[in-house]
PDB file of N, CA and C in Angstrom:
ATOM      1  N   GLU A   1       0.045   3.114  28.198  1.00  0.00           N
ATOM      2  CA  GLU A   1      -0.705   2.266  29.095  1.00  0.00           C
ATOM      3  C   GLU A   1      -2.193   2.584  28.933  1.00  0.00           C
ATOM      4  N   ILE A   2      -2.990   1.556  28.805  1.00  0.00           N
ATOM      5  CA  ILE A   2      -4.437   1.700  28.712  1.00  0.00           C
ATOM      6  C   ILE A   2      -5.064   1.054  29.935  1.00  0.00           C
ATOM      7  N   ASP A   3      -5.842   1.832  30.674  1.00  0.00           N
ATOM      8  CA  ASP A   3      -6.527   1.340  31.863  1.00  0.00           C
ATOM      9  C   ASP A   3      -8.020   1.589  31.668  1.00  0.00           C
ATOM     10  N   ILE A   4      -8.703   0.576  31.146  1.00  0.00           N
ATOM     11  CA  ILE A   4     -10.117   0.726  30.814  1.00  0.00           C
ATOM     12  C   ILE A   4     -10.983   0.982  32.042  1.00  0.00           C
ATOM     13  N   PRO A   5     -10.832   0.224  33.135  1.00  0.00           N
ATOM     14  CA  PRO A   5     -11.687   0.496  34.297  1.00  0.00           C
ATOM     15  C   PRO A   5     -11.550   1.932  34.817  1.00  0.00           C
ATOM     16  N   GLN A   6     -10.345   2.483  34.754  1.00  0.00           N
ATOM     17  CA  GLN A   6     -10.120   3.858  35.218  1.00  0.00           C
ATOM     18  C   GLN A   6     -10.369   4.893  34.112  1.00  0.00           C
ATOM     19  N   ARG A   7     -10.681   4.380  32.908  1.00  0.00           N
ATOM     20  CA  ARG A   7     -10.906   5.244  31.745  1.00  0.00           C
ATOM     21  C   ARG A   7      -9.714   6.167  31.540  1.00  0.00           C
ATOM     22  N   LYS A   8      -8.533   5.549  31.451  1.00  0.00           N
ATOM     23  CA  LYS A   8      -7.286   6.299  31.411  1.00  0.00           C
ATOM     24  C   LYS A   8      -6.399   5.785  30.283  1.00  0.00           C
ATOM     25  N   LEU A   9      -5.758   6.713  29.589  1.00  0.00           N
ATOM     26  CA  LEU A   9      -4.809   6.386  28.535  1.00  0.00           C
ATOM     27  C   LEU A   9      -3.579   7.251  28.737  1.00  0.00           C
ATOM     28  N   ASP A  10      -2.455   6.627  28.976  1.00  0.00           N
ATOM     29  CA  ASP A  10      -1.190   7.343  29.141  1.00  0.00           C
ATOM     30  C   ASP A  10      -0.303   7.029  27.949  1.00  0.00           C
ATOM     31  N   ILE A  11       0.311   8.071  27.391  1.00  0.00           N
ATOM     32  CA  ILE A  11       1.222   7.866  26.270  1.00  0.00           C
ATOM     33  C   ILE A  11       2.614   8.335  26.660  1.00  0.00           C
ATOM     34  N   ALA A  12       3.599   7.707  26.060  1.00  0.00           N
ATOM     35  CA  ALA A  12       4.994   8.032  26.371  1.00  0.00           C
ATOM     36  C   ALA A  12       5.508   9.081  25.392  1.00  0.00           C
ATOM     37  N   VAL A  13       4.906  10.271  25.446  1.00  0.00           N
ATOM     38  CA  VAL A  13       5.311  11.381  24.589  1.00  0.00           C
ATOM     39  C   VAL A  13       5.429  12.612  25.479  1.00  0.00           C
ATOM     40  N   SER A  14       6.510  13.337  25.303  1.00  0.00           N
ATOM     41  CA  SER A  14       6.733  14.522  26.142  1.00  0.00           C
ATOM     42  C   SER A  14       5.758  15.641  25.776  1.00  0.00           C
ATOM     43  N   ASN A  15       5.583  16.563  26.708  1.00  0.00           N
ATOM     44  CA  ASN A  15       4.735  17.725  26.443  1.00  0.00           C
ATOM     45  C   ASN A  15       5.280  18.556  25.291  1.00  0.00           C
ATOM     46  N   ASP A  16       6.615  18.641  25.190  1.00  0.00           N
ATOM     47  CA  ASP A  16       7.226  19.376  24.082  1.00  0.00           C
ATOM     48  C   ASP A  16       6.840  18.753  22.745  1.00  0.00           C
ATOM     49  N   GLU A  17       6.889  17.417  22.685  1.00  0.00           N
ATOM     50  CA  GLU A  17       6.521  16.719  21.451  1.00  0.00           C
ATOM     51  C   GLU A  17       5.042  16.926  21.131  1.00  0.00           C
ATOM     52  N   LEU A  18       4.189  16.858  22.135  1.00  0.00           N
ATOM     53  CA  LEU A  18       2.759  17.094  21.911  1.00  0.00           C
ATOM     54  C   LEU A  18       2.503  18.510  21.398  1.00  0.00           C
ATOM     55  N   ASN A  19       3.189  19.490  21.976  1.00  0.00           N
ATOM     56  CA  ASN A  19       3.048  20.874  21.526  1.00  0.00           C
ATOM     57  C   ASN A  19       3.532  21.037  20.092  1.00  0.00           C
ATOM     58  N   LYS A  20       4.635  20.374  19.762  1.00  0.00           N
ATOM     59  CA  LYS A  20       5.171  20.424  18.403  1.00  0.00           C
ATOM     60  C   LYS A  20       4.172  19.825  17.418  1.00  0.00           C
ATOM     61  N   ARG A  21       3.607  18.687  17.764  1.00  0.00           N
ATOM     62  CA  ARG A  21       2.627  18.032  16.885  1.00  0.00           C
ATOM     63  C   ARG A  21       1.389  18.898  16.705  1.00  0.00           C
ATOM     64  N   GLU A  22       0.948  19.523  17.789  1.00  0.00           N
ATOM     65  CA  GLU A  22      -0.229  20.378  17.707  1.00  0.00           C
ATOM     66  C   GLU A  22       0.039  21.576  16.802  1.00  0.00           C
ATOM     67  N   ALA A  23       1.219  22.172  16.929  1.00  0.00           N
ATOM     68  CA  ALA A  23       1.576  23.319  16.095  1.00  0.00           C
ATOM     69  C   ALA A  23       1.635  22.919  14.624  1.00  0.00           C
ATOM     70  N   GLU A  24       2.182  21.749  14.332  1.00  0.00           N
ATOM     71  CA  GLU A  24       2.250  21.270  12.952  1.00  0.00           C
ATOM     72  C   GLU A  24       0.859  20.989  12.412  1.00  0.00           C
ATOM     73  N   ASP A  25      -0.005  20.460  13.249  1.00  0.00           N
ATOM     74  CA  ASP A  25      -1.365  20.156  12.819  1.00  0.00           C
ATOM     75  C   ASP A  25      -2.125  21.435  12.495  1.00  0.00           C
ATOM     76  N   MET A  26      -1.873  22.500  13.247  1.00  0.00           N
ATOM     77  CA  MET A  26      -2.555  23.771  13.019  1.00  0.00           C
ATOM     78  C   MET A  26      -2.134  24.403  11.697  1.00  0.00           C
ATOM     79  N   LYS A  27      -0.952  24.060  11.188  1.00  0.00           N
ATOM     80  CA  LYS A  27      -0.446  24.623   9.940  1.00  0.00           C
ATOM     81  C   LYS A  27      -1.083  23.983   8.712  1.00  0.00           C
ATOM     82  N   LYS A  28      -1.701  22.833   8.883  1.00  0.00           N
ATOM     83  CA  LYS A  28      -2.257  22.118   7.740  1.00  0.00           C
ATOM     84  C   LYS A  28      -3.344  22.940   7.069  1.00  0.00           C
ATOM     85  N   ASP A  29      -3.416  22.786   5.763  1.00  0.00           N
ATOM     86  CA  ASP A  29      -4.434  23.465   4.975  1.00  0.00           C
ATOM     87  C   ASP A  29      -5.804  22.939   5.370  1.00  0.00           C
ATOM     88  N   THR A  30      -6.676  23.836   5.759  1.00  0.00           N
ATOM     89  CA  THR A  30      -7.997  23.411   6.201  1.00  0.00           C
ATOM     90  C   THR A  30      -9.088  23.804   5.213  1.00  0.00           C
ATOM     91  N   GLU A  31      -8.700  24.158   4.002  1.00  0.00           N
ATOM     92  CA  GLU A  31      -9.693  24.518   3.002  1.00  0.00           C
ATOM     93  C   GLU A  31     -10.484  23.293   2.583  1.00  0.00           C
ATOM     94  N   PRO A  32     -11.802  23.395   2.596  1.00  0.00           N
ATOM     95  CA  PRO A  32     -12.598  22.255   2.139  1.00  0.00           C
ATOM     96  C   PRO A  32     -12.412  22.035   0.648  1.00  0.00           C
ATOM     97  N   THR A  33     -12.524  20.819   0.239  1.00  0.00           N
ATOM     98  CA  THR A  33     -12.355  20.488  -1.166  1.00  0.00           C
ATOM     99  C   THR A  33     -13.619  19.841  -1.691  1.00  0.00           C
ATOM    100  N   SER A  34     -13.662  19.690  -2.967  1.00  0.00           N
ATOM    101  CA  SER A  34     -14.713  18.938  -3.630  1.00  0.00           C
ATOM    102  C   SER A  34     -16.089  19.511  -3.337  1.00  0.00           C
ATOM    103  N   ILE A  35     -16.984  18.675  -2.871  1.00  0.00           N
ATOM    104  CA  ILE A  35     -18.382  19.066  -2.704  1.00  0.00           C
ATOM    105  C   ILE A  35     -18.546  20.154  -1.642  1.00  0.00           C
ATOM    106  N   LEU A  36     -17.703  20.137  -0.608  1.00  0.00           N
ATOM    107  CA  LEU A  36     -17.821  21.171   0.426  1.00  0.00           C
ATOM    108  C   LEU A  36     -17.501  22.557  -0.119  1.00  0.00           C
ATOM    109  N   SER A  37     -16.498  22.650  -0.993  1.00  0.00           N
ATOM    110  CA  SER A  37     -16.174  23.958  -1.558  1.00  0.00           C
ATOM    111  C   SER A  37     -17.278  24.422  -2.497  1.00  0.00           C
ATOM    112  N   LYS A  38     -17.866  23.507  -3.243  1.00  0.00           N
ATOM    113  CA  LYS A  38     -18.983  23.870  -4.118  1.00  0.00           C
ATOM    114  C   LYS A  38     -20.180  24.340  -3.289  1.00  0.00           C
ATOM    115  N   TYR A  39     -20.444  23.655  -2.191  1.00  0.00           N
ATOM    116  CA  TYR A  39     -21.534  24.050  -1.296  1.00  0.00           C
ATOM    117  C   TYR A  39     -21.275  25.452  -0.749  1.00  0.00           C
ATOM    118  N   ARG A  40     -20.058  25.673  -0.271  1.00  0.00           N
ATOM    119  CA  ARG A  40     -19.713  26.970   0.313  1.00  0.00           C
ATOM    120  C   ARG A  40     -19.867  28.090  -0.708  1.00  0.00           C
ATOM    121  N   GLU A  41     -19.512  27.813  -1.965  1.00  0.00           N
ATOM    122  CA  GLU A  41     -19.596  28.826  -3.006  1.00  0.00           C
ATOM    123  C   GLU A  41     -21.031  29.106  -3.447  1.00  0.00           C
ATOM    124  N   SER A  42     -21.924  28.138  -3.277  1.00  0.00           N
ATOM    125  CA  SER A  42     -23.258  28.284  -3.853  1.00  0.00           C
ATOM    126  C   SER A  42     -24.375  28.524  -2.842  1.00  0.00           C
ATOM    127  N   VAL A  43     -24.079  28.466  -1.559  1.00  0.00           N
ATOM    128  CA  VAL A  43     -25.118  28.636  -0.541  1.00  0.00           C
ATOM    129  C   VAL A  43     -24.830  29.889   0.269  1.00  0.00           C
ATOM    130  N   GLY A  44     -25.882  30.640   0.526  1.00  0.00           N
ATOM    131  CA  GLY A  44     -25.742  31.862   1.306  1.00  0.00           C
ATOM    132  C   GLY A  44     -25.520  31.576   2.783  1.00  0.00           C
ATOM    133  N   SER A  45     -25.379  32.626   3.541  1.00  0.00           N
ATOM    134  CA  SER A  45     -25.132  32.529   4.976  1.00  0.00           C
ATOM    135  C   SER A  45     -26.293  31.851   5.698  1.00  0.00           C
ATOM    136  N   ALA A  46     -25.975  31.103   6.751  1.00  0.00           N
ATOM    137  CA  ALA A  46     -27.010  30.449   7.553  1.00  0.00           C
ATOM    138  C   ALA A  46     -27.923  31.484   8.196  1.00  0.00           C
ATOM    139  N   SER A  47     -27.387  32.648   8.532  1.00  0.00           N
ATOM    140  CA  SER A  47     -28.215  33.696   9.133  1.00  0.00           C
ATOM    141  C   SER A  47     -29.237  34.251   8.144  1.00  0.00           C
ATOM    142  N   ASP A  48     -29.000  34.004   6.853  1.00  0.00           N
ATOM    143  CA  ASP A  48     -29.947  34.419   5.816  1.00  0.00           C
ATOM    144  C   ASP A  48     -30.773  33.250   5.306  1.00  0.00           C
ATOM    145  N   GLY A  49     -30.685  32.102   5.961  1.00  0.00           N
ATOM    146  CA  GLY A  49     -31.491  30.945   5.576  1.00  0.00           C
ATOM    147  C   GLY A  49     -30.755  29.890   4.779  1.00  0.00           C
ATOM    148  N   ALA A  50     -29.460  30.066   4.559  1.00  0.00           N
ATOM    149  CA  ALA A  50     -28.644  29.105   3.798  1.00  0.00           C
ATOM    150  C   ALA A  50     -29.302  28.755   2.462  1.00  0.00           C
ATOM    151  N   ILE A  51     -29.759  29.773   1.777  1.00  0.00           N
ATOM    152  CA  ILE A  51     -30.468  29.594   0.510  1.00  0.00           C
ATOM    153  C   ILE A  51     -29.466  29.429  -0.625  1.00  0.00           C
ATOM    154  N   LEU A  52     -29.771  28.511  -1.519  1.00  0.00           N
ATOM    155  CA  LEU A  52     -28.936  28.271  -2.688  1.00  0.00           C
ATOM    156  C   LEU A  52     -28.946  29.514  -3.562  1.00  0.00           C
ATOM    157  N   GLN A  53     -27.770  30.018  -3.841  1.00  0.00           N
ATOM    158  CA  GLN A  53     -27.632  31.209  -4.661  1.00  0.00           C
ATOM    159  C   GLN A  53     -27.456  30.802  -6.115  1.00  0.00           C
ATOM    160  N   ASN A  54     -28.061  31.523  -7.021  1.00  0.00           N
ATOM    161  CA  ASN A  54     -27.888  31.250  -8.443  1.00  0.00           C
ATOM    162  C   ASN A  54     -26.655  32.001  -8.910  1.00  0.00           C
ATOM    163  N   ARG A  55     -25.562  31.310  -9.011  1.00  0.00           N
ATOM    164  CA  ARG A  55     -24.310  31.944  -9.413  1.00  0.00           C
ATOM    165  C   ARG A  55     -23.931  31.588 -10.842  1.00  0.00           C
ATOM    166  N   CYS A  56     -24.803  30.917 -11.523  1.00  0.00           N
ATOM    167  CA  CYS A  56     -24.530  30.536 -12.905  1.00  0.00           C
ATOM    168  C   CYS A  56     -24.699  31.753 -13.800  1.00  0.00           C
ATOM    169  N   THR A  57     -23.849  31.859 -14.752  1.00  0.00           N
ATOM    170  CA  THR A  57     -23.987  32.898 -15.761  1.00  0.00           C
ATOM    171  C   THR A  57     -24.294  32.188 -17.066  1.00  0.00           C
ATOM    172  N   SER A  58     -25.513  31.735 -17.168  1.00  0.00           N
ATOM    173  CA  SER A  58     -25.891  30.968 -18.351  1.00  0.00           C
ATOM    174  C   SER A  58     -26.182  31.904 -19.509  1.00  0.00           C
ATOM    175  N   GLN A  59     -25.891  31.420 -20.678  1.00  0.00           N
ATOM    176  CA  GLN A  59     -26.187  32.152 -21.890  1.00  0.00           C
ATOM    177  C   GLN A  59     -27.183  31.327 -22.678  1.00  0.00           C
ATOM    178  N   SER A  60     -28.220  31.987 -23.160  1.00  0.00           N
ATOM    179  CA  SER A  60     -29.198  31.234 -23.928  1.00  0.00           C
ATOM    180  C   SER A  60     -28.604  30.838 -25.268  1.00  0.00           C
ATOM    181  N   ARG A  61     -28.975  29.647 -25.679  1.00  0.00           N
ATOM    182  CA  ARG A  61     -28.494  29.161 -26.965  1.00  0.00           C
ATOM    183  C   ARG A  61     -29.443  29.638 -28.057  1.00  0.00           C
ATOM    184  N   LYS A  62     -28.915  29.862 -29.202  1.00  0.00           N
ATOM    185  CA  LYS A  62     -29.712  30.336 -30.330  1.00  0.00           C
ATOM    186  C   LYS A  62     -30.814  29.328 -30.641  1.00  0.00           C
ATOM    187  N   GLY A  63     -32.044  29.806 -30.708  1.00  0.00           N
ATOM    188  CA  GLY A  63     -33.167  28.953 -31.051  1.00  0.00           C
ATOM    189  C   GLY A  63     -33.765  28.218 -29.868  1.00  0.00           C
ATOM    190  N   HIS A  64     -33.321  28.500 -28.656  1.00  0.00           N
ATOM    191  CA  HIS A  64     -33.863  27.817 -27.472  1.00  0.00           C
ATOM    192  C   HIS A  64     -34.387  28.811 -26.491  1.00  0.00           C
TER     193      HIS A  64
END
């Protein structure tokens, strides 16, 4: 039931079911992927200024 004037939403789901869903949701993998993982790997702590860290191990090419 949706009651907009009362700003109320009631769902027909038991508390047990809600608890079960919440527990299942907490089990999901929360590791960031893609650009977020690259950001996390390359930027220092916010308490240190969130400075981009040079983590590249570049090798100079012959003649350059």
